[in-house]
Amino acid sequence: MPVRKRNNKRRNTGTLDDWEWALEMGWPCTGDLDGICELDETGHPDREAARDAWQRFGAEIMTRWRAEHPNGSRYACWGLEQFGEPT
């Protein structure tokens, strides 16, 4: 008899791939956060969910951001502007 899969009862908080656009640019351009967090009427993620995601993924995002923009960028990383340096 096949093994029955169990539903993951944990709330889906997303992965780095889900949150990367939102934390870099301030909004999820690709719909990656559908079903992961509440979005406001303009499509921006819930601030507390974004803060939690920044705590989980901010260091990796900033490592990538700095590698891609070694001489700086005229645009700042949204997560860094909103929540400061990741811990």
C-alpha atoms as a PDB file:
ATOM      1  CA  MET A   1       0.000   0.000   0.000  1.00  0.00           C
ATOM      2  CA  PRO A   2       1.453   3.436  -0.930  1.00  0.00           C
ATOM      3  CA  VAL A   3       2.484   5.829   1.800  1.00  0.00           C
ATOM      4  CA  ARG A   4       0.046   8.677   2.211  1.00  0.00           C
ATOM      5  CA  LYS A   5       1.567  12.150   2.133  1.00  0.00           C
ATOM      6  CA  ARG A   6       0.830  14.401   5.074  1.00  0.00           C
ATOM      7  CA  ASN A   7       0.050  18.049   4.673  1.00  0.00           C
ATOM      8  CA  ASN A   8       2.665  20.363   6.097  1.00  0.00           C
ATOM      9  CA  LYS A   9       0.821  22.108   8.921  1.00  0.00           C
ATOM     10  CA  ARG A  10       3.407  24.850   9.167  1.00  0.00           C
ATOM     11  CA  ARG A  11       2.475  28.103   7.554  1.00  0.00           C
ATOM     12  CA  ASN A  12       4.239  28.630   4.244  1.00  0.00           C
ATOM     13  CA  THR A  13       6.571  31.584   4.813  1.00  0.00           C
ATOM     14  CA  GLY A  14       8.305  31.322   1.453  1.00  0.00           C
ATOM     15  CA  THR A  15      11.831  30.769   0.287  1.00  0.00           C
ATOM     16  CA  LEU A  16      14.605  33.106  -0.748  1.00  0.00           C
ATOM     17  CA  ASP A  17      13.477  32.711  -4.361  1.00  0.00           C
ATOM     18  CA  ASP A  18       9.953  33.765  -3.375  1.00  0.00           C
ATOM     19  CA  TRP A  19      11.055  36.860  -1.469  1.00  0.00           C
ATOM     20  CA  GLU A  20      14.080  38.048  -3.451  1.00  0.00           C
ATOM     21  CA  TRP A  21      12.285  40.499  -5.785  1.00  0.00           C
ATOM     22  CA  ALA A  22      10.132  41.901  -3.012  1.00  0.00           C
ATOM     23  CA  LEU A  23      13.056  42.488  -0.663  1.00  0.00           C
ATOM     24  CA  GLU A  24      15.278  43.990  -3.343  1.00  0.00           C
ATOM     25  CA  MET A  25      12.705  46.163  -5.099  1.00  0.00           C
ATOM     26  CA  GLY A  26       9.875  46.575  -2.582  1.00  0.00           C
ATOM     27  CA  TRP A  27       7.194  44.641  -4.434  1.00  0.00           C
ATOM     28  CA  PRO A  28       6.826  41.134  -5.838  1.00  0.00           C
ATOM     29  CA  CYS A  29       6.784  41.763  -9.597  1.00  0.00           C
ATOM     30  CA  THR A  30       6.237  38.139 -10.511  1.00  0.00           C
ATOM     31  CA  GLY A  31       3.450  37.095  -8.135  1.00  0.00           C
ATOM     32  CA  ASP A  32       5.886  34.974  -6.131  1.00  0.00           C
ATOM     33  CA  LEU A  33       4.264  35.890  -2.814  1.00  0.00           C
ATOM     34  CA  ASP A  34       0.745  34.776  -3.719  1.00  0.00           C
ATOM     35  CA  GLY A  35      -0.380  32.536  -0.877  1.00  0.00           C
ATOM     36  CA  ILE A  36       2.687  33.342   1.232  1.00  0.00           C
ATOM     37  CA  CYS A  37       1.699  36.685   2.758  1.00  0.00           C
ATOM     38  CA  GLU A  38      -0.967  39.341   2.501  1.00  0.00           C
ATOM     39  CA  LEU A  39      -0.460  41.948  -0.205  1.00  0.00           C
ATOM     40  CA  ASP A  40      -1.947  45.421  -0.020  1.00  0.00           C
ATOM     41  CA  GLU A  41      -4.051  46.977  -2.778  1.00  0.00           C
ATOM     42  CA  THR A  42      -0.891  48.112  -4.596  1.00  0.00           C
ATOM     43  CA  GLY A  43       0.686  44.647  -4.439  1.00  0.00           C
ATOM     44  CA  HIS A  44       3.219  45.358  -1.704  1.00  0.00           C
ATOM     45  CA  PRO A  45       3.810  42.659   0.927  1.00  0.00           C
ATOM     46  CA  ASP A  46       2.667  42.920   4.520  1.00  0.00           C
ATOM     47  CA  ARG A  47       5.360  44.854   6.405  1.00  0.00           C
ATOM     48  CA  GLU A  48       5.729  42.352   9.262  1.00  0.00           C
ATOM     49  CA  ALA A  49       6.018  39.418   6.848  1.00  0.00           C
ATOM     50  CA  ALA A  50       8.648  41.364   4.899  1.00  0.00           C
ATOM     51  CA  ARG A  51      10.564  42.140   8.111  1.00  0.00           C
ATOM     52  CA  ASP A  52      10.566  38.448   9.061  1.00  0.00           C
ATOM     53  CA  ALA A  53      11.744  37.484   5.570  1.00  0.00           C
ATOM     54  CA  TRP A  54      14.490  40.127   5.746  1.00  0.00           C
ATOM     55  CA  GLN A  55      15.735  38.606   8.996  1.00  0.00           C
ATOM     56  CA  ARG A  56      15.887  35.168   7.335  1.00  0.00           C
ATOM     57  CA  PHE A  57      17.209  36.114   3.902  1.00  0.00           C
ATOM     58  CA  GLY A  58      18.666  39.626   4.171  1.00  0.00           C
ATOM     59  CA  ALA A  59      22.290  38.610   4.645  1.00  0.00           C
ATOM     60  CA  GLU A  60      22.260  36.434   1.534  1.00  0.00           C
ATOM     61  CA  ILE A  61      20.412  39.072  -0.480  1.00  0.00           C
ATOM     62  CA  MET A  62      22.936  41.736   0.526  1.00  0.00           C
ATOM     63  CA  THR A  63      25.847  39.453  -0.395  1.00  0.00           C
ATOM     64  CA  ARG A  64      24.342  39.005  -3.863  1.00  0.00           C
ATOM     65  CA  TRP A  65      23.411  42.696  -4.155  1.00  0.00           C
ATOM     66  CA  ARG A  66      26.926  43.865  -3.341  1.00  0.00           C
ATOM     67  CA  ALA A  67      28.446  41.337  -5.771  1.00  0.00           C
ATOM     68  CA  GLU A  68      26.127  42.509  -8.564  1.00  0.00           C
ATOM     69  CA  HIS A  69      26.702  46.202  -7.795  1.00  0.00           C
ATOM     70  CA  PRO A  70      30.394  46.432  -6.797  1.00  0.00           C
ATOM     71  CA  ASN A  71      30.552  50.168  -7.572  1.00  0.00           C
ATOM     72  CA  GLY A  72      27.233  50.872  -5.951  1.00  0.00           C
ATOM     73  CA  SER A  73      23.905  51.403  -7.613  1.00  0.00           C
ATOM     74  CA  ARG A  74      21.710  54.412  -8.074  1.00  0.00           C
ATOM     75  CA  TYR A  75      18.989  52.242  -6.572  1.00  0.00           C
ATOM     76  CA  ALA A  76      19.209  51.029  -3.009  1.00  0.00           C
ATOM     77  CA  CYS A  77      18.053  47.635  -1.830  1.00  0.00           C
ATOM     78  CA  TRP A  78      14.517  48.096  -0.455  1.00  0.00           C
ATOM     79  CA  GLY A  79      14.984  45.713   2.478  1.00  0.00           C
ATOM     80  CA  LEU A  80      18.136  47.520   3.559  1.00  0.00           C
ATOM     81  CA  GLU A  81      16.394  50.897   3.376  1.00  0.00           C
ATOM     82  CA  GLN A  82      13.372  49.682   5.334  1.00  0.00           C
ATOM     83  CA  PHE A  83      14.891  47.369   7.932  1.00  0.00           C
ATOM     84  CA  GLY A  84      18.619  48.201   8.089  1.00  0.00           C
ATOM     85  CA  GLU A  85      21.560  45.816   7.889  1.00  0.00           C
ATOM     86  CA  PRO A  86      20.503  42.205   8.281  1.00  0.00           C
ATOM     87  CA  THR A  87      21.646  40.420  11.409  1.00  0.00           C
END
